[in-house]
């Protein structure tokens, strides 16, 4: 059986976007993967990515527009949004 990678679209928001220096990335993916493992891979893209994704406990995540924890599973072709906690005032 042949496996075909379907990239996951990664969206960065607010301070994460500023630190990473990009709005989006594409992460090749051939099988379901935990968000935490995706973050490890994304952190290897550049030193800016490593800095922006350093404190994963302070980040929030959404997969296909649904808020999830970093132990959620991402499937090939999904979309991940990464953002800092939202505060109001």
Protein backbone atom coordinates (compact mmCIF):
# COMPACT_ATOMS: atom_id res chain seq x y z
CA UNK A 1 0.00 0.00 0.00
CA UNK A 2 1.44 3.34 -1.03
CA UNK A 3 1.33 6.21 1.47
CA UNK A 4 0.82 9.75 0.26
CA UNK A 5 1.71 12.72 2.41
CA UNK A 6 -1.07 15.28 2.79
CA UNK A 7 0.29 18.41 4.41
CA UNK A 8 -1.23 19.90 7.51
CA UNK A 9 -1.72 23.64 7.27
CA UNK A 10 -0.41 25.39 10.38
CA UNK A 11 -1.69 28.89 11.21
CA UNK A 12 0.09 31.14 13.70
CA UNK A 13 -1.66 33.98 15.53
CA UNK A 14 -0.72 37.01 17.64
CA UNK A 15 2.59 36.77 19.53
CA UNK A 16 3.31 33.31 18.10
CA UNK A 17 3.08 34.71 14.55
CA UNK A 18 5.33 37.63 15.48
CA UNK A 19 7.98 35.37 17.02
CA UNK A 20 7.89 32.70 14.31
CA UNK A 21 7.89 35.36 11.60
CA UNK A 22 5.25 33.65 9.46
CA UNK A 23 1.48 33.43 9.17
CA UNK A 24 1.42 29.83 7.99
CA UNK A 25 3.48 26.72 7.45
CA UNK A 26 2.80 23.37 5.85
CA UNK A 27 3.81 20.21 7.67
CA UNK A 28 4.03 17.03 5.57
CA UNK A 29 2.06 14.23 7.17
CA UNK A 30 1.37 10.66 6.12
CA UNK A 31 -0.35 9.32 9.24
CA UNK A 32 -2.24 10.67 12.29
CA UNK A 33 0.10 12.45 14.69
CA UNK A 34 -0.24 14.15 18.09
CA UNK A 35 -0.11 17.93 18.16
CA UNK A 36 2.79 17.67 20.62
CA UNK A 37 4.79 15.74 18.00
CA UNK A 38 3.86 18.28 15.32
CA UNK A 39 5.18 21.03 17.60
CA UNK A 40 8.49 19.21 18.00
CA UNK A 41 8.84 19.00 14.23
CA UNK A 42 7.81 22.62 13.66
CA UNK A 43 10.39 23.72 16.25
CA UNK A 44 13.12 22.33 13.99
CA UNK A 45 12.15 24.63 11.08
CA UNK A 46 14.19 27.58 12.42
CA UNK A 47 15.43 29.20 15.61
CA UNK A 48 12.45 31.58 15.38
CA UNK A 49 10.07 28.60 15.28
CA UNK A 50 11.85 27.08 18.28
CA UNK A 51 11.45 30.35 20.20
CA UNK A 52 7.80 30.83 19.23
CA UNK A 53 6.85 27.27 20.16
CA UNK A 54 9.12 26.96 23.20
CA UNK A 55 6.52 27.17 25.97
CA UNK A 56 3.80 24.84 24.72
CA UNK A 57 2.01 24.94 28.08
CA UNK A 58 1.24 28.62 27.46
CA UNK A 59 -0.16 28.04 23.96
CA UNK A 60 -3.63 27.09 22.78
CA UNK A 61 -4.49 24.92 19.79
CA UNK A 62 -7.38 24.34 17.44
CA UNK A 63 -7.75 21.57 14.88
CA UNK A 64 -10.18 22.34 12.10
CA UNK A 65 -11.59 25.26 14.15
CA UNK A 66 -12.20 23.21 17.32
CA UNK A 67 -10.19 23.95 20.47
CA UNK A 68 -8.11 20.96 21.56
CA UNK A 69 -5.27 20.06 23.91
CA UNK A 70 -1.76 19.27 22.70
CA UNK A 71 -2.43 15.53 23.07
CA UNK A 72 -5.09 15.73 20.33
CA UNK A 73 -4.57 13.80 17.12
CA UNK A 74 -4.04 15.62 13.82
CA UNK A 75 -4.79 13.81 10.56
CA UNK A 76 -3.22 14.41 7.16
CA UNK A 77 -4.95 17.36 5.50
CA UNK A 78 -6.13 18.93 8.78
CA UNK A 79 -5.54 22.53 9.84
CA UNK A 80 -3.86 23.47 13.14
CA UNK A 81 -4.13 26.95 14.64
CA UNK A 82 -1.61 27.93 17.30
CA UNK A 83 -2.16 31.00 19.46
CA UNK A 84 -1.44 32.41 22.92
CA UNK A 85 -4.24 32.43 25.49
CA UNK A 86 -6.75 35.17 24.83
CA UNK A 87 -7.22 37.73 27.56
CA UNK A 88 -9.75 40.49 27.78
CA UNK A 89 -10.19 43.65 29.69
